[in-house]
């Protein structure tokens, strides 16, 4: 609960910035294509992309003539899908992992004005931090025509990110509570409308327990397409 309140305080600080001239806050949402890396070098299988969504607030805070800081608070879906065969086959298997996070990005964006003073193209990058709050694992399929299905709530470890030596609450089948990574973003603003694409590249392993090293293969990868409107 304390960690959730901290993230909500960040959102409040963002909203307070809207009183400054030229600052903008957008309510935005959109479509995610999520995946989880499957090899030590971060490669993924395109067939495993999982459709999801995101929604929340994004603030654009100018810091120089062509630079701004973009931050916000998003509810966003991640995860992956594994499927062998189709539901029309006598035997098939499909497993989906759908974790949901509260995510705070912090991107530095370069803004290029367009012909219209109220419109611009932007491109930027920066880190993000996210906290897992909900989600489900689902398995379904058939074996020689006999169907089966199961669904379970995702359990997160209660890891404290300030204690780097210990992962509290780690256990078999649990996901790490906190996810950290890098963002790349680009898009357009037209008067009060925002259109953007984003790529989130997770740097921390998603499975709880063990060492958090660069060779761990399971990390989040998320493409997002967003539409927003300024408040």
C-alpha atoms as a PDB file:
ATOM      1  CA  UNK A   1       0.000   0.000   0.000  1.00  0.00           C
ATOM      2  CA  UNK A   2       2.830   2.425   0.853  1.00  0.00           C
ATOM      3  CA  UNK A   3       4.450   1.823  -2.540  1.00  0.00           C
ATOM      4  CA  UNK A   4       1.129   2.466  -4.307  1.00  0.00           C
ATOM      5  CA  UNK A   5       0.720   5.728  -2.384  1.00  0.00           C
ATOM      6  CA  UNK A   6       4.220   6.798  -3.440  1.00  0.00           C
ATOM      7  CA  UNK A   7       3.301   6.306  -7.093  1.00  0.00           C
ATOM      8  CA  UNK A   8       0.073   8.233  -6.601  1.00  0.00           C
ATOM      9  CA  UNK A   9       2.076  11.098  -5.060  1.00  0.00           C
ATOM     10  CA  UNK A  10       4.169  11.179  -8.219  1.00  0.00           C
ATOM     11  CA  UNK A  11       0.980  11.575 -10.236  1.00  0.00           C
ATOM     12  CA  UNK A  12      -0.118  14.412  -7.957  1.00  0.00           C
ATOM     13  CA  UNK A  13       3.189  16.184  -8.442  1.00  0.00           C
ATOM     14  CA  UNK A  14       2.789  15.843 -12.191  1.00  0.00           C
ATOM     15  CA  UNK A  15      -0.696  17.354 -12.083  1.00  0.00           C
ATOM     16  CA  UNK A  16       0.578  20.280 -10.000  1.00  0.00           C
ATOM     17  CA  UNK A  17       3.012  21.170 -12.770  1.00  0.00           C
ATOM     18  CA  UNK A  18       0.160  21.935 -15.129  1.00  0.00           C
ATOM     19  CA  UNK A  19      -0.107  25.456 -13.729  1.00  0.00           C
ATOM     20  CA  UNK A  20       3.216  26.432 -15.301  1.00  0.00           C
ATOM     21  CA  UNK A  21       3.123  28.063 -18.715  1.00  0.00           C
ATOM     22  CA  UNK A  22       3.639  25.699 -21.694  1.00  0.00           C
ATOM     23  CA  UNK A  23       3.398  22.577 -19.534  1.00  0.00           C
ATOM     24  CA  UNK A  24       0.822  20.057 -20.725  1.00  0.00           C
ATOM     25  CA  UNK A  25      -0.763  16.997 -19.187  1.00  0.00           C
ATOM     26  CA  UNK A  26      -2.418  14.404 -21.407  1.00  0.00           C
ATOM     27  CA  UNK A  27      -4.851  11.675 -20.521  1.00  0.00           C
ATOM     28  CA  UNK A  28      -3.834   8.865 -22.817  1.00  0.00           C
ATOM     29  CA  UNK A  29      -4.380   5.229 -23.588  1.00  0.00           C
ATOM     30  CA  UNK A  30      -3.732   2.715 -26.275  1.00  0.00           C
ATOM     31  CA  UNK A  31      -2.681  -0.674 -27.509  1.00  0.00           C
ATOM     32  CA  UNK A  32       0.246  -2.786 -26.274  1.00  0.00           C
ATOM     33  CA  UNK A  33       2.054  -5.676 -27.942  1.00  0.00           C
ATOM     34  CA  UNK A  34       3.871  -7.380 -25.092  1.00  0.00           C
ATOM     35  CA  UNK A  35       6.436 -10.146 -25.027  1.00  0.00           C
ATOM     36  CA  UNK A  36       9.053 -11.696 -22.771  1.00  0.00           C
ATOM     37  CA  UNK A  37      12.582 -12.352 -23.975  1.00  0.00           C
ATOM     38  CA  UNK A  38      13.453 -16.036 -24.266  1.00  0.00           C
ATOM     39  CA  UNK A  39      17.233 -16.109 -24.802  1.00  0.00           C
ATOM     40  CA  UNK A  40      20.255 -14.708 -22.962  1.00  0.00           C
ATOM     41  CA  UNK A  41      20.820 -12.066 -25.645  1.00  0.00           C
ATOM     42  CA  UNK A  42      17.223 -10.814 -25.302  1.00  0.00           C
ATOM     43  CA  UNK A  43      15.791 -12.338 -28.475  1.00  0.00           C
ATOM     44  CA  UNK A  44      12.055 -13.002 -28.708  1.00  0.00           C
ATOM     45  CA  UNK A  45       9.698 -14.985 -30.932  1.00  0.00           C
ATOM     46  CA  UNK A  46       7.221 -12.741 -32.785  1.00  0.00           C
ATOM     47  CA  UNK A  47       4.546 -15.433 -32.562  1.00  0.00           C
ATOM     48  CA  UNK A  48       4.453 -14.940 -28.789  1.00  0.00           C
ATOM     49  CA  UNK A  49       3.347 -11.285 -28.797  1.00  0.00           C
ATOM     50  CA  UNK A  50       0.398 -10.733 -26.460  1.00  0.00           C
ATOM     51  CA  UNK A  51      -2.133  -7.927 -27.131  1.00  0.00           C
ATOM     52  CA  UNK A  52      -2.794  -5.731 -24.105  1.00  0.00           C
ATOM     53  CA  UNK A  53      -3.463  -2.061 -23.274  1.00  0.00           C
ATOM     54  CA  UNK A  54      -2.341   0.954 -21.247  1.00  0.00           C
ATOM     55  CA  UNK A  55      -4.064   4.033 -19.803  1.00  0.00           C
ATOM     56  CA  UNK A  56      -3.112   6.950 -17.598  1.00  0.00           C
ATOM     57  CA  UNK A  57      -1.569  10.419 -17.490  1.00  0.00           C
ATOM     58  CA  UNK A  58       1.466  11.854 -19.287  1.00  0.00           C
ATOM     59  CA  UNK A  59       3.017  15.262 -18.593  1.00  0.00           C
ATOM     60  CA  UNK A  60       5.162  17.163 -21.089  1.00  0.00           C
ATOM     61  CA  UNK A  61       7.316  19.671 -19.159  1.00  0.00           C
ATOM     62  CA  UNK A  62       9.566  21.981 -21.245  1.00  0.00           C
ATOM     63  CA  UNK A  63      13.089  22.488 -19.856  1.00  0.00           C
ATOM     64  CA  UNK A  64      14.655  24.307 -22.846  1.00  0.00           C
ATOM     65  CA  UNK A  65      13.619  25.705 -26.227  1.00  0.00           C
ATOM     66  CA  UNK A  66      13.535  22.274 -27.890  1.00  0.00           C
ATOM     67  CA  UNK A  67      13.765  19.929 -24.903  1.00  0.00           C
ATOM     68  CA  UNK A  68      11.130  18.628 -22.524  1.00  0.00           C
ATOM     69  CA  UNK A  69      10.767  15.989 -19.833  1.00  0.00           C
ATOM     70  CA  UNK A  70       7.958  13.516 -20.371  1.00  0.00           C
ATOM     71  CA  UNK A  71       6.757  11.615 -17.336  1.00  0.00           C
ATOM     72  CA  UNK A  72       3.490  10.265 -16.007  1.00  0.00           C
ATOM     73  CA  UNK A  73       1.674   7.402 -14.345  1.00  0.00           C
ATOM     74  CA  UNK A  74       0.342   4.529 -16.454  1.00  0.00           C
ATOM     75  CA  UNK A  75      -1.620   1.369 -15.806  1.00  0.00           C
ATOM     76  CA  UNK A  76      -0.079  -0.992 -18.352  1.00  0.00           C
ATOM     77  CA  UNK A  77      -0.295  -4.629 -19.355  1.00  0.00           C
ATOM     78  CA  UNK A  78       2.742  -6.784 -20.113  1.00  0.00           C
ATOM     79  CA  UNK A  79       3.335 -10.513 -20.497  1.00  0.00           C
ATOM     80  CA  UNK A  80       3.570 -13.117 -23.232  1.00  0.00           C
ATOM     81  CA  UNK A  81       1.756 -15.933 -25.033  1.00  0.00           C
ATOM     82  CA  UNK A  82       2.899 -19.440 -25.906  1.00  0.00           C
ATOM     83  CA  UNK A  83       0.790 -21.496 -28.318  1.00  0.00           C
ATOM     84  CA  UNK A  84       1.264 -24.785 -30.129  1.00  0.00           C
ATOM     85  CA  UNK A  85      -1.461 -25.621 -32.640  1.00  0.00           C
ATOM     86  CA  UNK A  86      -4.954 -24.079 -32.775  1.00  0.00           C
ATOM     87  CA  UNK A  87      -8.276 -24.667 -31.056  1.00  0.00           C
ATOM     88  CA  UNK A  88      -9.493 -26.521 -34.177  1.00  0.00           C
ATOM     89  CA  UNK A  89      -6.830 -29.208 -33.739  1.00  0.00           C
ATOM     90  CA  UNK A  90      -7.418 -32.420 -31.809  1.00  0.00           C
ATOM     91  CA  UNK A  91      -4.507 -31.436 -29.555  1.00  0.00           C
ATOM     92  CA  UNK A  92      -3.243 -27.930 -28.863  1.00  0.00           C
ATOM     93  CA  UNK A  93      -1.781 -25.886 -26.010  1.00  0.00           C
ATOM     94  CA  UNK A  94      -1.906 -22.179 -25.155  1.00  0.00           C
ATOM     95  CA  UNK A  95      -0.480 -20.438 -22.099  1.00  0.00           C
ATOM     96  CA  UNK A  96      -0.747 -16.700 -21.396  1.00  0.00           C
ATOM     97  CA  UNK A  97       0.825 -14.552 -18.698  1.00  0.00           C
ATOM     98  CA  UNK A  98      -0.879 -11.168 -18.190  1.00  0.00           C
ATOM     99  CA  UNK A  99       0.719  -9.072 -15.432  1.00  0.00           C
ATOM    100  CA  UNK A 100      -0.425  -5.476 -14.913  1.00  0.00           C
ATOM    101  CA  UNK A 101       1.791  -2.702 -13.604  1.00  0.00           C
ATOM    102  CA  UNK A 102       1.710   0.882 -12.416  1.00  0.00           C
ATOM    103  CA  UNK A 103       4.529   2.442 -14.435  1.00  0.00           C
ATOM    104  CA  UNK A 104       6.354   5.781 -14.166  1.00  0.00           C
ATOM    105  CA  UNK A 105       8.429   6.728 -17.260  1.00  0.00           C
ATOM    106  CA  UNK A 106      10.975   9.565 -17.282  1.00  0.00           C
ATOM    107  CA  UNK A 107      11.966  10.492 -20.838  1.00  0.00           C
ATOM    108  CA  UNK A 108      13.980  13.399 -22.186  1.00  0.00           C
ATOM    109  CA  UNK A 109      12.433  14.435 -25.509  1.00  0.00           C
ATOM    110  CA  UNK A 110      13.697  16.568 -28.386  1.00  0.00           C
ATOM    111  CA  UNK A 111      10.867  18.625 -29.902  1.00  0.00           C
ATOM    112  CA  UNK A 112      10.911  19.680 -33.560  1.00  0.00           C
ATOM    113  CA  UNK A 113       8.307  22.353 -34.429  1.00  0.00           C
ATOM    114  CA  UNK A 114       6.125  21.802 -37.460  1.00  0.00           C
ATOM    115  CA  UNK A 115       4.532  24.432 -39.704  1.00  0.00           C
ATOM    116  CA  UNK A 116       1.780  24.964 -37.161  1.00  0.00           C
ATOM    117  CA  UNK A 117       3.089  26.510 -33.889  1.00  0.00           C
ATOM    118  CA  UNK A 118       0.790  24.244 -31.900  1.00  0.00           C
ATOM    119  CA  UNK A 119       2.173  21.093 -33.560  1.00  0.00           C
ATOM    120  CA  UNK A 120       5.501  19.288 -33.192  1.00  0.00           C
ATOM    121  CA  UNK A 121       7.346  16.041 -33.732  1.00  0.00           C
ATOM    122  CA  UNK A 122       9.190  14.614 -30.726  1.00  0.00           C
ATOM    123  CA  UNK A 123      11.640  11.806 -30.112  1.00  0.00           C
ATOM    124  CA  UNK A 124      13.102  10.797 -26.788  1.00  0.00           C
ATOM    125  CA  UNK A 125      14.344   8.138 -24.412  1.00  0.00           C
ATOM    126  CA  UNK A 126      14.840   7.470 -20.736  1.00  0.00           C
ATOM    127  CA  UNK A 127      14.262   5.010 -17.889  1.00  0.00           C
ATOM    128  CA  UNK A 128      11.065   3.648 -16.409  1.00  0.00           C
ATOM    129  CA  UNK A 129      10.113   2.039 -13.099  1.00  0.00           C
ATOM    130  CA  UNK A 130       7.052  -0.171 -12.655  1.00  0.00           C
ATOM    131  CA  UNK A 131       5.312  -2.015  -9.820  1.00  0.00           C
ATOM    132  CA  UNK A 132       3.267  -5.160 -10.411  1.00  0.00           C
ATOM    133  CA  UNK A 133      -0.233  -4.937  -8.909  1.00  0.00           C
ATOM    134  CA  UNK A 134      -2.362  -7.618 -10.590  1.00  0.00           C
ATOM    135  CA  UNK A 135      -2.499 -10.263 -13.290  1.00  0.00           C
ATOM    136  CA  UNK A 136      -3.379 -13.822 -14.249  1.00  0.00           C
ATOM    137  CA  UNK A 137      -1.765 -16.898 -15.716  1.00  0.00           C
ATOM    138  CA  UNK A 138      -4.029 -18.976 -17.934  1.00  0.00           C
ATOM    139  CA  UNK A 139      -3.514 -22.375 -19.555  1.00  0.00           C
ATOM    140  CA  UNK A 140      -5.910 -24.026 -22.002  1.00  0.00           C
ATOM    141  CA  UNK A 141      -5.846 -26.720 -24.639  1.00  0.00           C
ATOM    142  CA  UNK A 142      -6.929 -30.168 -25.735  1.00  0.00           C
ATOM    143  CA  UNK A 143      -5.391 -33.625 -25.644  1.00  0.00           C
ATOM    144  CA  UNK A 144      -6.893 -35.924 -28.281  1.00  0.00           C
ATOM    145  CA  UNK A 145     -10.091 -33.873 -28.267  1.00  0.00           C
ATOM    146  CA  UNK A 146     -10.437 -33.627 -24.477  1.00  0.00           C
ATOM    147  CA  UNK A 147     -10.277 -29.995 -23.367  1.00  0.00           C
ATOM    148  CA  UNK A 148      -8.643 -28.583 -20.243  1.00  0.00           C
ATOM    149  CA  UNK A 149      -8.328 -25.100 -18.774  1.00  0.00           C
ATOM    150  CA  UNK A 150      -6.908 -23.466 -15.648  1.00  0.00           C
ATOM    151  CA  UNK A 151      -6.465 -19.882 -14.446  1.00  0.00           C
ATOM    152  CA  UNK A 152      -4.487 -18.556 -11.482  1.00  0.00           C
ATOM    153  CA  UNK A 153      -3.761 -15.140 -10.035  1.00  0.00           C
ATOM    154  CA  UNK A 154      -0.162 -13.951 -10.466  1.00  0.00           C
ATOM    155  CA  UNK A 155       1.724 -13.786  -7.170  1.00  0.00           C
ATOM    156  CA  UNK A 156       4.378 -11.064  -6.846  1.00  0.00           C
ATOM    157  CA  UNK A 157       7.315 -11.057  -4.469  1.00  0.00           C
ATOM    158  CA  UNK A 158       7.207  -8.286  -1.844  1.00  0.00           C
ATOM    159  CA  UNK A 159      10.666  -7.122  -2.780  1.00  0.00           C
ATOM    160  CA  UNK A 160      11.952  -3.832  -1.377  1.00  0.00           C
ATOM    161  CA  UNK A 161      13.928  -2.166  -4.223  1.00  0.00           C
ATOM    162  CA  UNK A 162      16.117  -0.310  -1.698  1.00  0.00           C
ATOM    163  CA  UNK A 163      17.590  -3.600  -0.423  1.00  0.00           C
ATOM    164  CA  UNK A 164      19.757  -4.807  -3.287  1.00  0.00           C
ATOM    165  CA  UNK A 165      21.188  -7.819  -1.467  1.00  0.00           C
ATOM    166  CA  UNK A 166      17.882  -9.475  -0.597  1.00  0.00           C
ATOM    167  CA  UNK A 167      14.662 -10.160  -2.494  1.00  0.00           C
ATOM    168  CA  UNK A 168      11.893 -10.357   0.069  1.00  0.00           C
ATOM    169  CA  UNK A 169       9.026 -12.742  -0.612  1.00  0.00           C
ATOM    170  CA  UNK A 170      10.720 -14.632  -3.449  1.00  0.00           C
ATOM    171  CA  UNK A 171       9.356 -18.066  -4.250  1.00  0.00           C
ATOM    172  CA  UNK A 172       8.611 -20.667  -6.897  1.00  0.00           C
ATOM    173  CA  UNK A 173       6.173 -19.344  -9.496  1.00  0.00           C
ATOM    174  CA  UNK A 174       6.262 -15.763  -8.251  1.00  0.00           C
ATOM    175  CA  UNK A 175       7.143 -12.716 -10.327  1.00  0.00           C
ATOM    176  CA  UNK A 176       9.320  -9.861  -9.112  1.00  0.00           C
ATOM    177  CA  UNK A 177       7.205  -6.987  -7.870  1.00  0.00           C
ATOM    178  CA  UNK A 178       9.347  -4.273  -9.489  1.00  0.00           C
ATOM    179  CA  UNK A 179      10.366  -3.875 -13.115  1.00  0.00           C
ATOM    180  CA  UNK A 180      12.941  -1.384 -14.367  1.00  0.00           C
ATOM    181  CA  UNK A 181      14.062  -0.646 -17.904  1.00  0.00           C
ATOM    182  CA  UNK A 182      14.545   1.818 -20.741  1.00  0.00           C
ATOM    183  CA  UNK A 183      12.047   3.575 -23.008  1.00  0.00           C
ATOM    184  CA  UNK A 184      12.273   4.853 -26.550  1.00  0.00           C
ATOM    185  CA  UNK A 185       9.453   7.119 -27.700  1.00  0.00           C
ATOM    186  CA  UNK A 186       8.447   9.194 -30.732  1.00  0.00           C
ATOM    187  CA  UNK A 187       5.307  10.925 -31.896  1.00  0.00           C
ATOM    188  CA  UNK A 188       3.384  14.031 -32.804  1.00  0.00           C
ATOM    189  CA  UNK A 189       1.305  16.590 -30.968  1.00  0.00           C
ATOM    190  CA  UNK A 190      -1.371  18.539 -32.859  1.00  0.00           C
ATOM    191  CA  UNK A 191      -2.912  21.292 -30.711  1.00  0.00           C
ATOM    192  CA  UNK A 192      -4.447  19.234 -27.890  1.00  0.00           C
ATOM    193  CA  UNK A 193      -3.966  15.777 -29.414  1.00  0.00           C
ATOM    194  CA  UNK A 194      -1.047  13.396 -28.861  1.00  0.00           C
ATOM    195  CA  UNK A 195      -0.133  10.410 -31.050  1.00  0.00           C
ATOM    196  CA  UNK A 196       2.918   8.378 -30.077  1.00  0.00           C
ATOM    197  CA  UNK A 197       4.701   5.036 -30.262  1.00  0.00           C
ATOM    198  CA  UNK A 198       6.825   3.663 -27.428  1.00  0.00           C
ATOM    199  CA  UNK A 199       9.135   0.722 -26.856  1.00  0.00           C
ATOM    200  CA  UNK A 200       9.850  -0.499 -23.319  1.00  0.00           C
ATOM    201  CA  UNK A 201      12.964  -2.661 -22.887  1.00  0.00           C
ATOM    202  CA  UNK A 202      13.046  -4.332 -19.466  1.00  0.00           C
ATOM    203  CA  UNK A 203      16.444  -4.704 -17.801  1.00  0.00           C
ATOM    204  CA  UNK A 204      15.485  -6.716 -14.729  1.00  0.00           C
ATOM    205  CA  UNK A 205      14.489 -10.358 -14.736  1.00  0.00           C
ATOM    206  CA  UNK A 206      10.807 -11.004 -14.110  1.00  0.00           C
ATOM    207  CA  UNK A 207      11.133 -14.265 -12.154  1.00  0.00           C
ATOM    208  CA  UNK A 208      11.670 -13.950  -8.418  1.00  0.00           C
ATOM    209  CA  UNK A 209      14.685 -15.493  -6.710  1.00  0.00           C
ATOM    210  CA  UNK A 210      18.295 -15.932  -7.802  1.00  0.00           C
ATOM    211  CA  UNK A 211      20.771 -13.319  -8.957  1.00  0.00           C
ATOM    212  CA  UNK A 212      19.562 -10.383 -11.033  1.00  0.00           C
ATOM    213  CA  UNK A 213      22.231 -10.597 -13.722  1.00  0.00           C
ATOM    214  CA  UNK A 214      22.406  -9.594 -17.360  1.00  0.00           C
ATOM    215  CA  UNK A 215      22.348 -13.222 -18.517  1.00  0.00           C
ATOM    216  CA  UNK A 216      18.891 -13.967 -17.102  1.00  0.00           C
ATOM    217  CA  UNK A 217      16.749 -14.559 -20.165  1.00  0.00           C
ATOM    218  CA  UNK A 218      13.240 -13.527 -19.056  1.00  0.00           C
ATOM    219  CA  UNK A 219      12.660  -9.760 -19.282  1.00  0.00           C
ATOM    220  CA  UNK A 220       9.715  -7.646 -20.463  1.00  0.00           C
ATOM    221  CA  UNK A 221       9.527  -6.196 -23.992  1.00  0.00           C
ATOM    222  CA  UNK A 222       6.541  -3.954 -24.852  1.00  0.00           C
ATOM    223  CA  UNK A 223       5.561  -1.949 -27.945  1.00  0.00           C
ATOM    224  CA  UNK A 224       2.820   0.638 -27.385  1.00  0.00           C
ATOM    225  CA  UNK A 225       0.705   2.877 -29.607  1.00  0.00           C
ATOM    226  CA  UNK A 226      -0.960   5.764 -27.754  1.00  0.00           C
ATOM    227  CA  UNK A 227      -3.614   8.407 -28.350  1.00  0.00           C
ATOM    228  CA  UNK A 228      -3.931  11.253 -25.872  1.00  0.00           C
ATOM    229  CA  UNK A 229      -5.825  14.485 -25.243  1.00  0.00           C
ATOM    230  CA  UNK A 230      -4.551  17.396 -23.150  1.00  0.00           C
ATOM    231  CA  UNK A 231      -6.417  18.358 -19.983  1.00  0.00           C
END
